[in-house]
PDB file of N, CA and C in Angstrom:
ATOM      1  N   MET A   1      86.956 100.366  91.985  1.00  0.00           N
ATOM      2  CA  MET A   1      87.174  98.901  91.340  1.00  0.00           C
ATOM      3  C   MET A   1      88.225  98.295  91.841  1.00  0.00           C
ATOM      4  N   ILE A   2      88.174  97.098  92.251  1.00  0.00           N
ATOM      5  CA  ILE A   2      89.489  96.013  92.602  1.00  0.00           C
ATOM      6  C   ILE A   2      89.617  95.094  91.692  1.00  0.00           C
ATOM      7  N   GLY A   3      90.581  94.673  91.247  1.00  0.00           N
ATOM      8  CA  GLY A   3      91.195  93.141  90.689  1.00  0.00           C
ATOM      9  C   GLY A   3      92.108  92.473  91.428  1.00  0.00           C
ATOM     10  N   ILE A   4      91.799  91.134  91.263  1.00  0.00           N
ATOM     11  CA  ILE A   4      92.857  90.336  91.853  1.00  0.00           C
ATOM     12  C   ILE A   4      93.262  89.137  90.956  1.00  0.00           C
ATOM     13  N   ASP A   5      94.519  88.773  91.036  1.00  0.00           N
ATOM     14  CA  ASP A   5      94.793  87.618  90.294  1.00  0.00           C
ATOM     15  C   ASP A   5      95.880  86.756  91.275  1.00  0.00           C
ATOM     16  N   LEU A   6      95.952  85.532  90.689  1.00  0.00           N
ATOM     17  CA  LEU A   6      96.838  84.557  91.335  1.00  0.00           C
ATOM     18  C   LEU A   6      97.536  83.693  90.210  1.00  0.00           C
ATOM     19  N   ILE A   7      98.886  83.236  90.727  1.00  0.00           N
ATOM     20  CA  ILE A   7      99.656  82.666  89.425  1.00  0.00           C
ATOM     21  C   ILE A   7     100.495  81.694  90.197  1.00  0.00           C
ATOM     22  N   LYS A   8     100.520  80.486  89.774  1.00  0.00           N
ATOM     23  CA  LYS A   8     101.162  79.256  90.723  1.00  0.00           C
ATOM     24  C   LYS A   8     102.613  79.928  89.807  1.00  0.00           C
ATOM     25  N   LEU A   9     103.934  79.909  90.751  1.00  0.00           N
ATOM     26  CA  LEU A   9     104.915  80.308  90.413  1.00  0.00           C
ATOM     27  C   LEU A   9     105.779  79.019  89.380  1.00  0.00           C
ATOM     28  N   GLU A  10     105.284  77.777  89.521  1.00  0.00           N
ATOM     29  CA  GLU A  10     105.664  76.912  88.650  1.00  0.00           C
ATOM     30  C   GLU A  10     105.500  77.338  87.331  1.00  0.00           C
ATOM     31  N   ARG A  11     104.075  77.633  86.737  1.00  0.00           N
ATOM     32  CA  ARG A  11     103.885  78.004  85.680  1.00  0.00           C
ATOM     33  C   ARG A  11     104.617  79.106  84.890  1.00  0.00           C
ATOM     34  N   MET A  12     104.941  80.129  85.817  1.00  0.00           N
ATOM     35  CA  MET A  12     105.946  81.296  85.344  1.00  0.00           C
ATOM     36  C   MET A  12     107.088  80.569  84.800  1.00  0.00           C
ATOM     37  N   LYS A  13     107.799  79.818  86.149  1.00  0.00           N
ATOM     38  CA  LYS A  13     109.269  79.237  85.923  1.00  0.00           C
ATOM     39  C   LYS A  13     109.238  78.352  84.680  1.00  0.00           C
ATOM     40  N   CYS A  14     108.295  77.628  84.492  1.00  0.00           N
ATOM     41  CA  CYS A  14     108.305  76.702  83.025  1.00  0.00           C
ATOM     42  C   CYS A  14     108.123  77.380  81.640  1.00  0.00           C
ATOM     43  N   SER A  15     107.249  78.605  81.853  1.00  0.00           N
ATOM     44  CA  SER A  15     107.373  79.434  80.614  1.00  0.00           C
ATOM     45  C   SER A  15     108.434  80.184  80.471  1.00  0.00           C
ATOM     46  N   ILE A  16     109.074  80.396  81.530  1.00  0.00           N
ATOM     47  CA  ILE A  16     110.513  81.256  81.027  1.00  0.00           C
ATOM     48  C   ILE A  16     111.692  80.315  80.726  1.00  0.00           C
ATOM     49  N   GLU A  17     111.856  79.102  81.435  1.00  0.00           N
ATOM     50  CA  GLU A  17     112.602  78.183  80.837  1.00  0.00           C
ATOM     51  C   GLU A  17     112.276  77.710  79.366  1.00  0.00           C
ATOM     52  N   ARG A  18     111.264  77.793  78.615  1.00  0.00           N
ATOM     53  CA  ARG A  18     110.877  77.083  77.745  1.00  0.00           C
ATOM     54  C   ARG A  18     111.165  78.330  76.770  1.00  0.00           C
ATOM     55  N   PHE A  19     110.599  79.652  76.979  1.00  0.00           N
ATOM     56  CA  PHE A  19     110.621  80.788  75.720  1.00  0.00           C
ATOM     57  C   PHE A  19     111.578  81.599  76.096  1.00  0.00           C
ATOM     58  N   GLY A  20     112.153  81.744  77.425  1.00  0.00           N
ATOM     59  CA  GLY A  20     113.021  82.816  77.776  1.00  0.00           C
ATOM     60  C   GLY A  20     112.795  84.038  77.634  1.00  0.00           C
ATOM     61  N   ASP A  21     113.657  84.967  77.052  1.00  0.00           N
ATOM     62  CA  ASP A  21     113.231  86.528  77.286  1.00  0.00           C
ATOM     63  C   ASP A  21     111.907  86.849  76.142  1.00  0.00           C
ATOM     64  N   LYS A  22     111.807  85.987  75.393  1.00  0.00           N
ATOM     65  CA  LYS A  22     110.835  86.451  74.071  1.00  0.00           C
ATOM     66  C   LYS A  22     109.329  85.973  75.166  1.00  0.00           C
ATOM     67  N   PHE A  23     109.264  85.021  75.927  1.00  0.00           N
ATOM     68  CA  PHE A  23     108.332  85.093  76.874  1.00  0.00           C
ATOM     69  C   PHE A  23     108.142  86.689  77.616  1.00  0.00           C
ATOM     70  N   LEU A  24     109.054  86.860  78.384  1.00  0.00           N
ATOM     71  CA  LEU A  24     109.099  87.815  78.933  1.00  0.00           C
ATOM     72  C   LEU A  24     108.790  89.343  78.505  1.00  0.00           C
ATOM     73  N   GLN A  25     109.091  89.380  77.329  1.00  0.00           N
ATOM     74  CA  GLN A  25     109.088  90.622  76.605  1.00  0.00           C
ATOM     75  C   GLN A  25     107.406  90.422  76.012  1.00  0.00           C
ATOM     76  N   ARG A  26     106.771  89.577  76.047  1.00  0.00           N
ATOM     77  CA  ARG A  26     105.132  89.392  75.850  1.00  0.00           C
ATOM     78  C   ARG A  26     104.468  90.160  76.643  1.00  0.00           C
ATOM     79  N   PHE A  27     104.953  90.246  77.968  1.00  0.00           N
ATOM     80  CA  PHE A  27     104.221  91.169  79.027  1.00  0.00           C
ATOM     81  C   PHE A  27     105.145  92.117  79.495  1.00  0.00           C
ATOM     82  N   LEU A  28     106.299  92.191  79.757  1.00  0.00           N
ATOM     83  CA  LEU A  28     107.172  93.189  80.000  1.00  0.00           C
ATOM     84  C   LEU A  28     107.906  94.484  79.319  1.00  0.00           C
ATOM     85  N   SER A  29     107.742  95.616  79.500  1.00  0.00           N
ATOM     86  CA  SER A  29     108.639  96.548  79.051  1.00  0.00           C
ATOM     87  C   SER A  29     110.084  96.441  79.074  1.00  0.00           C
ATOM     88  N   PRO A  30     110.947  97.143  78.481  1.00  0.00           N
ATOM     89  CA  PRO A  30     112.560  96.991  78.730  1.00  0.00           C
ATOM     90  C   PRO A  30     112.726  97.270  80.453  1.00  0.00           C
ATOM     91  N   ASP A  31     112.053  98.733  80.674  1.00  0.00           N
ATOM     92  CA  ASP A  31     112.545  98.833  81.901  1.00  0.00           C
ATOM     93  C   ASP A  31     111.881  98.068  83.203  1.00  0.00           C
ATOM     94  N   GLU A  32     110.735  97.274  82.828  1.00  0.00           N
ATOM     95  CA  GLU A  32     110.182  96.335  83.563  1.00  0.00           C
ATOM     96  C   GLU A  32     111.102  95.124  83.628  1.00  0.00           C
ATOM     97  N   MET A  33     111.613  94.637  82.511  1.00  0.00           N
ATOM     98  CA  MET A  33     112.758  93.520  82.589  1.00  0.00           C
ATOM     99  C   MET A  33     113.902  93.825  83.415  1.00  0.00           C
ATOM    100  N   GLN A  34     114.471  94.900  83.683  1.00  0.00           N
ATOM    101  CA  GLN A  34     115.353  95.222  84.466  1.00  0.00           C
ATOM    102  C   GLN A  34     115.005  94.785  85.871  1.00  0.00           C
ATOM    103  N   LEU A  35     113.835  95.088  86.381  1.00  0.00           N
ATOM    104  CA  LEU A  35     113.321  94.704  87.739  1.00  0.00           C
ATOM    105  C   LEU A  35     113.036  93.211  88.096  1.00  0.00           C
ATOM    106  N   ILE A  36     113.366  92.518  87.030  1.00  0.00           N
ATOM    107  CA  ILE A  36     112.734  90.965  87.382  1.00  0.00           C
ATOM    108  C   ILE A  36     114.157  90.125  87.653  1.00  0.00           C
ATOM    109  N   LYS A  37     114.095  89.729  88.887  1.00  0.00           N
ATOM    110  CA  LYS A  37     115.270  88.956  89.609  1.00  0.00           C
ATOM    111  C   LYS A  37     115.263  87.613  89.381  1.00  0.00           C
ATOM    112  N   ASN A  38     113.795  87.051  89.267  1.00  0.00           N
ATOM    113  CA  ASN A  38     113.652  85.633  89.085  1.00  0.00           C
ATOM    114  C   ASN A  38     112.426  85.266  88.472  1.00  0.00           C
ATOM    115  N   SER A  39     111.955  83.978  88.428  1.00  0.00           N
ATOM    116  CA  SER A  39     110.396  83.826  88.215  1.00  0.00           C
ATOM    117  C   SER A  39     109.376  84.033  88.870  1.00  0.00           C
ATOM    118  N   LYS A  40     109.797  84.130  90.372  1.00  0.00           N
ATOM    119  CA  LYS A  40     109.082  84.626  91.427  1.00  0.00           C
ATOM    120  C   LYS A  40     108.465  86.193  91.277  1.00  0.00           C
ATOM    121  N   THR A  41     109.641  86.885  90.798  1.00  0.00           N
ATOM    122  CA  THR A  41     109.432  88.346  90.516  1.00  0.00           C
ATOM    123  C   THR A  41     108.507  88.665  89.378  1.00  0.00           C
ATOM    124  N   ALA A  42     108.980  87.428  88.271  1.00  0.00           N
ATOM    125  CA  ALA A  42     107.990  87.902  87.254  1.00  0.00           C
ATOM    126  C   ALA A  42     106.399  87.706  87.318  1.00  0.00           C
ATOM    127  N   ALA A  43     106.400  86.653  87.864  1.00  0.00           N
ATOM    128  CA  ALA A  43     105.067  85.858  88.398  1.00  0.00           C
ATOM    129  C   ALA A  43     104.262  87.186  88.905  1.00  0.00           C
ATOM    130  N   GLY A  44     104.925  87.722  89.965  1.00  0.00           N
ATOM    131  CA  GLY A  44     104.478  88.832  90.965  1.00  0.00           C
ATOM    132  C   GLY A  44     103.823  89.956  89.821  1.00  0.00           C
ATOM    133  N   PHE A  45     104.624  90.296  88.551  1.00  0.00           N
ATOM    134  CA  PHE A  45     104.562  91.217  87.754  1.00  0.00           C
ATOM    135  C   PHE A  45     103.196  91.041  86.793  1.00  0.00           C
ATOM    136  N   TRP A  46     103.382  89.526  86.391  1.00  0.00           N
ATOM    137  CA  TRP A  46     102.069  89.251  85.634  1.00  0.00           C
ATOM    138  C   TRP A  46     100.721  89.163  86.599  1.00  0.00           C
ATOM    139  N   ALA A  47     100.782  88.775  87.706  1.00  0.00           N
ATOM    140  CA  ALA A  47      99.692  88.757  88.686  1.00  0.00           C
ATOM    141  C   ALA A  47      99.199  90.416  88.675  1.00  0.00           C
ATOM    142  N   ALA A  48      99.988  91.408  88.558  1.00  0.00           N
ATOM    143  CA  ALA A  48      99.592  92.601  88.888  1.00  0.00           C
ATOM    144  C   ALA A  48      99.169  93.105  87.853  1.00  0.00           C
ATOM    145  N   LYS A  49      99.410  92.511  86.609  1.00  0.00           N
ATOM    146  CA  LYS A  49      98.907  93.326  85.495  1.00  0.00           C
ATOM    147  C   LYS A  49      97.602  92.739  85.140  1.00  0.00           C
ATOM    148  N   GLU A  50      97.670  91.489  85.301  1.00  0.00           N
ATOM    149  CA  GLU A  50      95.909  90.809  85.256  1.00  0.00           C
ATOM    150  C   GLU A  50      95.298  91.436  85.902  1.00  0.00           C
ATOM    151  N   ALA A  51      95.763  91.595  87.382  1.00  0.00           N
ATOM    152  CA  ALA A  51      94.647  92.155  88.560  1.00  0.00           C
ATOM    153  C   ALA A  51      94.304  93.589  87.916  1.00  0.00           C
ATOM    154  N   CYS A  52      95.292  94.375  87.502  1.00  0.00           N
ATOM    155  CA  CYS A  52      94.791  95.883  87.088  1.00  0.00           C
ATOM    156  C   CYS A  52      93.833  95.652  85.775  1.00  0.00           C
ATOM    157  N   SER A  53      93.648  94.782  84.872  1.00  0.00           N
ATOM    158  CA  SER A  53      93.045  94.657  83.769  1.00  0.00           C
ATOM    159  C   SER A  53      91.578  94.075  84.299  1.00  0.00           C
ATOM    160  N   LYS A  54      91.853  93.438  85.366  1.00  0.00           N
ATOM    161  CA  LYS A  54      90.618  92.946  86.114  1.00  0.00           C
ATOM    162  C   LYS A  54      89.805  94.083  86.888  1.00  0.00           C
ATOM    163  N   ALA A  55      90.428  94.977  87.267  1.00  0.00           N
ATOM    164  CA  ALA A  55      89.898  96.087  88.095  1.00  0.00           C
ATOM    165  C   ALA A  55      89.438  97.179  86.802  1.00  0.00           C
ATOM    166  N   LEU A  56      89.947  97.161  85.956  1.00  0.00           N
ATOM    167  CA  LEU A  56      89.347  97.988  84.817  1.00  0.00           C
ATOM    168  C   LEU A  56      88.093  97.471  84.074  1.00  0.00           C
ATOM    169  N   GLY A  57      87.915  96.269  84.277  1.00  0.00           N
ATOM    170  CA  GLY A  57      86.594  95.484  83.838  1.00  0.00           C
ATOM    171  C   GLY A  57      86.848  94.975  82.501  1.00  0.00           C
ATOM    172  N   THR A  58      88.094  94.931  81.865  1.00  0.00           N
ATOM    173  CA  THR A  58      88.418  94.797  80.593  1.00  0.00           C
ATOM    174  C   THR A  58      89.110  93.007  80.360  1.00  0.00           C
ATOM    175  N   GLY A  59      89.932  93.073  81.334  1.00  0.00           N
ATOM    176  CA  GLY A  59      90.773  91.847  81.138  1.00  0.00           C
ATOM    177  C   GLY A  59      92.058  92.227  80.275  1.00  0.00           C
ATOM    178  N   ILE A  60      92.768  91.401  80.095  1.00  0.00           N
ATOM    179  CA  ILE A  60      93.882  91.765  79.030  1.00  0.00           C
ATOM    180  C   ILE A  60      93.249  91.063  77.506  1.00  0.00           C
ATOM    181  N   GLY A  61      93.329  92.169  76.756  1.00  0.00           N
ATOM    182  CA  GLY A  61      92.789  91.977  75.428  1.00  0.00           C
ATOM    183  C   GLY A  61      93.063  93.227  74.549  1.00  0.00           C
ATOM    184  N   LYS A  62      91.924  93.394  73.692  1.00  0.00           N
ATOM    185  CA  LYS A  62      91.929  94.600  72.600  1.00  0.00           C
ATOM    186  C   LYS A  62      92.087  96.012  73.512  1.00  0.00           C
ATOM    187  N   GLU A  63      91.104  95.923  74.654  1.00  0.00           N
ATOM    188  CA  GLU A  63      91.060  97.503  75.107  1.00  0.00           C
ATOM    189  C   GLU A  63      92.395  97.624  76.050  1.00  0.00           C
ATOM    190  N   CYS A  64      93.009  96.605  76.610  1.00  0.00           N
ATOM    191  CA  CYS A  64      93.833  96.832  77.331  1.00  0.00           C
ATOM    192  C   CYS A  64      94.834  95.774  77.270  1.00  0.00           C
ATOM    193  N   SER A  65      96.291  96.441  76.741  1.00  0.00           N
ATOM    194  CA  SER A  65      97.154  95.213  76.772  1.00  0.00           C
ATOM    195  C   SER A  65      98.207  94.997  77.786  1.00  0.00           C
ATOM    196  N   PHE A  66      99.127  94.047  78.087  1.00  0.00           N
ATOM    197  CA  PHE A  66     100.068  93.950  78.767  1.00  0.00           C
ATOM    198  C   PHE A  66     101.164  95.142  79.073  1.00  0.00           C
ATOM    199  N   HIS A  67     101.179  95.674  78.025  1.00  0.00           N
ATOM    200  CA  HIS A  67     102.111  96.695  77.520  1.00  0.00           C
ATOM    201  C   HIS A  67     101.321  98.207  77.807  1.00  0.00           C
ATOM    202  N   ASP A  68     100.155  98.248  78.192  1.00  0.00           N
ATOM    203  CA  ASP A  68      99.665  99.373  78.453  1.00  0.00           C
ATOM    204  C   ASP A  68      99.518  99.692  79.982  1.00  0.00           C
ATOM    205  N   ILE A  69      99.868  98.573  80.703  1.00  0.00           N
ATOM    206  CA  ILE A  69     100.188  98.772  82.502  1.00  0.00           C
ATOM    207  C   ILE A  69     101.688  98.496  82.543  1.00  0.00           C
ATOM    208  N   LYS A  70     102.224  99.583  83.299  1.00  0.00           N
ATOM    209  CA  LYS A  70     103.591  99.613  83.723  1.00  0.00           C
ATOM    210  C   LYS A  70     103.518  99.321  85.257  1.00  0.00           C
ATOM    211  N   LEU A  71     104.814  98.725  85.660  1.00  0.00           N
ATOM    212  CA  LEU A  71     105.173  98.425  86.964  1.00  0.00           C
ATOM    213  C   LEU A  71     106.466  98.972  87.047  1.00  0.00           C
ATOM    214  N   SER A  72     106.554  99.720  88.451  1.00  0.00           N
ATOM    215  CA  SER A  72     107.986  99.970  88.676  1.00  0.00           C
ATOM    216  C   SER A  72     108.149 100.155  90.055  1.00  0.00           C
ATOM    217  N   LYS A  73     109.406 100.401  90.926  1.00  0.00           N
ATOM    218  CA  LYS A  73     109.443 100.210  92.233  1.00  0.00           C
ATOM    219  C   LYS A  73     109.491 101.822  92.822  1.00  0.00           C
ATOM    220  N   THR A  74     109.311 101.841  94.096  1.00  0.00           N
ATOM    221  CA  THR A  74     109.469 103.270  94.658  1.00  0.00           C
ATOM    222  C   THR A  74     110.940 103.126  95.049  1.00  0.00           C
ATOM    223  N   ALA A  75     111.390 104.246  95.962  1.00  0.00           N
ATOM    224  CA  ALA A  75     112.840 103.840  96.398  1.00  0.00           C
ATOM    225  C   ALA A  75     112.979 103.065  97.442  1.00  0.00           C
ATOM    226  N   ARG A  76     111.797 102.700  98.205  1.00  0.00           N
ATOM    227  CA  ARG A  76     111.788 101.704  99.204  1.00  0.00           C
ATOM    228  C   ARG A  76     111.713 100.335  98.937  1.00  0.00           C
ATOM    229  N   GLY A  77     111.149 100.147  97.433  1.00  0.00           N
ATOM    230  CA  GLY A  77     111.069  98.864  96.698  1.00  0.00           C
ATOM    231  C   GLY A  77     109.546  98.527  96.771  1.00  0.00           C
ATOM    232  N   ALA A  78     108.734  99.445  96.985  1.00  0.00           N
ATOM    233  CA  ALA A  78     107.411  99.088  96.965  1.00  0.00           C
ATOM    234  C   ALA A  78     106.891  98.853  95.522  1.00  0.00           C
ATOM    235  N   PRO A  79     106.059  97.970  95.023  1.00  0.00           N
ATOM    236  CA  PRO A  79     105.406  98.603  93.531  1.00  0.00           C
ATOM    237  C   PRO A  79     104.767  99.333  93.263  1.00  0.00           C
ATOM    238  N   GLN A  80     104.798  99.876  92.187  1.00  0.00           N
ATOM    239  CA  GLN A  80     104.156 101.070  91.821  1.00  0.00           C
ATOM    240  C   GLN A  80     103.559 100.673  90.368  1.00  0.00           C
ATOM    241  N   ILE A  81     102.312 100.940  90.094  1.00  0.00           N
ATOM    242  CA  ILE A  81     101.574 101.027  88.869  1.00  0.00           C
ATOM    243  C   ILE A  81     101.241 101.862  88.180  1.00  0.00           C
ATOM    244  N   SER A  82     101.365 101.969  86.750  1.00  0.00           N
ATOM    245  CA  SER A  82     100.932 102.977  85.690  1.00  0.00           C
ATOM    246  C   SER A  82     100.217 102.647  84.870  1.00  0.00           C
ATOM    247  N   LEU A  83      99.536 103.517  84.260  1.00  0.00           N
ATOM    248  CA  LEU A  83      98.690 103.237  82.675  1.00  0.00           C
ATOM    249  C   LEU A  83      98.947 103.926  81.668  1.00  0.00           C
ATOM    250  N   SER A  84      98.734 103.549  80.289  1.00  0.00           N
ATOM    251  CA  SER A  84      98.776 104.369  79.259  1.00  0.00           C
ATOM    252  C   SER A  84      97.924 105.523  79.259  1.00  0.00           C
ATOM    253  N   GLN A  85      98.402 106.495  78.871  1.00  0.00           N
ATOM    254  CA  GLN A  85      97.383 108.012  78.933  1.00  0.00           C
ATOM    255  C   GLN A  85      96.268 107.425  78.146  1.00  0.00           C
ATOM    256  N   GLU A  86      96.343 106.714  77.171  1.00  0.00           N
ATOM    257  CA  GLU A  86      94.864 106.180  76.549  1.00  0.00           C
ATOM    258  C   GLU A  86      94.164 105.687  77.600  1.00  0.00           C
ATOM    259  N   LEU A  87      94.699 104.980  78.239  1.00  0.00           N
ATOM    260  CA  LEU A  87      93.427 104.021  79.372  1.00  0.00           C
ATOM    261  C   LEU A  87      93.232 105.160  80.548  1.00  0.00           C
ATOM    262  N   LEU A  88      94.158 105.973  81.016  1.00  0.00           N
ATOM    263  CA  LEU A  88      93.848 107.094  82.055  1.00  0.00           C
ATOM    264  C   LEU A  88      92.757 107.894  81.322  1.00  0.00           C
ATOM    265  N   ASP A  89      93.030 108.368  80.379  1.00  0.00           N
ATOM    266  CA  ASP A  89      91.731 109.199  79.678  1.00  0.00           C
ATOM    267  C   ASP A  89      90.285 108.352  79.363  1.00  0.00           C
ATOM    268  N   ASN A  90      90.624 107.010  78.775  1.00  0.00           N
ATOM    269  CA  ASN A  90      88.919 106.362  78.496  1.00  0.00           C
ATOM    270  C   ASN A  90      88.334 105.846  79.997  1.00  0.00           C
ATOM    271  N   TYR A  91      89.225 105.850  80.853  1.00  0.00           N
ATOM    272  CA  TYR A  91      88.705 105.323  82.548  1.00  0.00           C
ATOM    273  C   TYR A  91      88.468 106.257  83.232  1.00  0.00           C
ATOM    274  N   LYS A  92      88.761 107.483  82.833  1.00  0.00           N
ATOM    275  CA  LYS A  92      89.062 108.623  84.014  1.00  0.00           C
ATOM    276  C   LYS A  92      89.569 108.174  85.585  1.00  0.00           C
ATOM    277  N   ILE A  93      90.504 107.517  85.395  1.00  0.00           N
ATOM    278  CA  ILE A  93      91.423 107.225  86.608  1.00  0.00           C
ATOM    279  C   ILE A  93      91.977 108.359  87.569  1.00  0.00           C
ATOM    280  N   LYS A  94      91.664 108.151  88.692  1.00  0.00           N
ATOM    281  CA  LYS A  94      92.202 109.227  89.414  1.00  0.00           C
ATOM    282  C   LYS A  94      93.027 108.754  90.365  1.00  0.00           C
ATOM    283  N   SER A  95      93.585 107.533  90.773  1.00  0.00           N
ATOM    284  CA  SER A  95      94.417 107.256  91.623  1.00  0.00           C
ATOM    285  C   SER A  95      94.211 105.572  91.437  1.00  0.00           C
ATOM    286  N   MET A  96      95.642 104.800  91.759  1.00  0.00           N
ATOM    287  CA  MET A  96      95.601 103.426  91.271  1.00  0.00           C
ATOM    288  C   MET A  96      96.619 103.161  92.719  1.00  0.00           C
ATOM    289  N   SER A  97      96.331 101.679  93.127  1.00  0.00           N
ATOM    290  CA  SER A  97      97.435 101.396  94.003  1.00  0.00           C
ATOM    291  C   SER A  97      97.437  99.839  93.890  1.00  0.00           C
ATOM    292  N   VAL A  98      98.745  99.382  94.252  1.00  0.00           N
ATOM    293  CA  VAL A  98      98.884  97.887  93.859  1.00  0.00           C
ATOM    294  C   VAL A  98      99.829  96.973  94.884  1.00  0.00           C
ATOM    295  N   SER A  99      99.325  95.822  95.242  1.00  0.00           N
ATOM    296  CA  SER A  99     100.053  94.958  96.448  1.00  0.00           C
ATOM    297  C   SER A  99     100.439  93.541  95.708  1.00  0.00           C
ATOM    298  N   ILE A 100     101.393  93.290  95.889  1.00  0.00           N
ATOM    299  CA  ILE A 100     102.051  91.879  95.409  1.00  0.00           C
ATOM    300  C   ILE A 100     102.493  91.199  96.317  1.00  0.00           C
ATOM    301  N   THR A 101     102.242  90.095  96.538  1.00  0.00           N
ATOM    302  CA  THR A 101     102.743  89.121  97.769  1.00  0.00           C
ATOM    303  C   THR A 101     102.934  87.702  96.961  1.00  0.00           C
ATOM    304  N   HIS A 102     103.992  86.823  97.715  1.00  0.00           N
ATOM    305  CA  HIS A 102     104.355  85.608  97.315  1.00  0.00           C
ATOM    306  C   HIS A 102     104.081  84.764  98.473  1.00  0.00           C
ATOM    307  N   ASP A 103     103.645  83.483  98.440  1.00  0.00           N
ATOM    308  CA  ASP A 103     103.349  82.691  99.775  1.00  0.00           C
ATOM    309  C   ASP A 103     103.447  81.388  99.079  1.00  0.00           C
ATOM    310  N   GLY A 104     104.272  80.243  99.399  1.00  0.00           N
ATOM    311  CA  GLY A 104     104.328  78.756  99.022  1.00  0.00           C
ATOM    312  C   GLY A 104     104.391  78.911  97.389  1.00  0.00           C
ATOM    313  N   ASP A 105     103.587  78.215  96.762  1.00  0.00           N
ATOM    314  CA  ASP A 105     103.739  78.323  95.290  1.00  0.00           C
ATOM    315  C   ASP A 105     103.072  79.173  94.320  1.00  0.00           C
ATOM    316  N   TYR A 106     102.646  80.345  95.172  1.00  0.00           N
ATOM    317  CA  TYR A 106     101.898  81.401  94.376  1.00  0.00           C
ATOM    318  C   TYR A 106     102.346  82.562  94.609  1.00  0.00           C
ATOM    319  N   ALA A 107     102.178  83.547  93.551  1.00  0.00           N
ATOM    320  CA  ALA A 107     102.283  84.887  93.415  1.00  0.00           C
ATOM    321  C   ALA A 107     100.667  85.495  93.558  1.00  0.00           C
ATOM    322  N   VAL A 108     100.464  86.628  94.208  1.00  0.00           N
ATOM    323  CA  VAL A 108      99.251  87.042  94.379  1.00  0.00           C
ATOM    324  C   VAL A 108      99.519  88.651  94.373  1.00  0.00           C
ATOM    325  N   ALA A 109      98.305  89.068  93.367  1.00  0.00           N
ATOM    326  CA  ALA A 109      98.499  90.704  93.424  1.00  0.00           C
ATOM    327  C   ALA A 109      97.077  91.400  93.187  1.00  0.00           C
ATOM    328  N   VAL A 110      96.827  92.427  94.023  1.00  0.00           N
ATOM    329  CA  VAL A 110      95.773  93.148  94.180  1.00  0.00           C
ATOM    330  C   VAL A 110      95.790  94.698  93.766  1.00  0.00           C
ATOM    331  N   VAL A 111      94.968  95.192  93.032  1.00  0.00           N
ATOM    332  CA  VAL A 111      95.075  96.609  92.194  1.00  0.00           C
ATOM    333  C   VAL A 111      93.678  97.307  92.559  1.00  0.00           C
ATOM    334  N   ALA A 112      93.733  98.403  93.088  1.00  0.00           N
ATOM    335  CA  ALA A 112      92.603  99.284  93.209  1.00  0.00           C
ATOM    336  C   ALA A 112      92.538 100.193  92.719  1.00  0.00           C
ATOM    337  N   ILE A 113      91.598 100.719  92.117  1.00  0.00           N
ATOM    338  CA  ILE A 113      91.452 101.633  91.011  1.00  0.00           C
ATOM    339  C   ILE A 113      90.325 102.661  91.341  1.00  0.00           C
ATOM    340  N   GLN A 114      90.579 104.092  91.704  1.00  0.00           N
ATOM    341  CA  GLN A 114      89.598 105.115  91.879  1.00  0.00           C
ATOM    342  C   GLN A 114      89.569 105.838  90.776  1.00  0.00           C
ATOM    343  N   ASN A 115      88.298 105.852  90.301  1.00  0.00           N
ATOM    344  CA  ASN A 115      88.041 107.014  89.273  1.00  0.00           C
ATOM    345  C   ASN A 115      86.785 107.906  89.440  1.00  0.00           C
TER     346      ASN A 115
END
């Protein structure tokens, strides 16, 4: 299963300026917040979580919340994605991969899930 998401960087920047950390806490764990350098990075994380929920076929909502999806970085700085144990069990996930990119005014993420 594959999911993709696109977000305009300005949308993320405005949300952070308006609501600050309260907005970031809505979709990021404390560990993830430590990885956020600016609104561009936050937009990439948002897109990755949305793409993951789409790959699962649920979208963000009752079955899969932003906090069920965790992003981290490898030693080389590449993004990694993991899911809550409940999602891993419910969807029989074997492996996942994520790619995040930024170009111009947008952040894009693609997530591939194998079950």
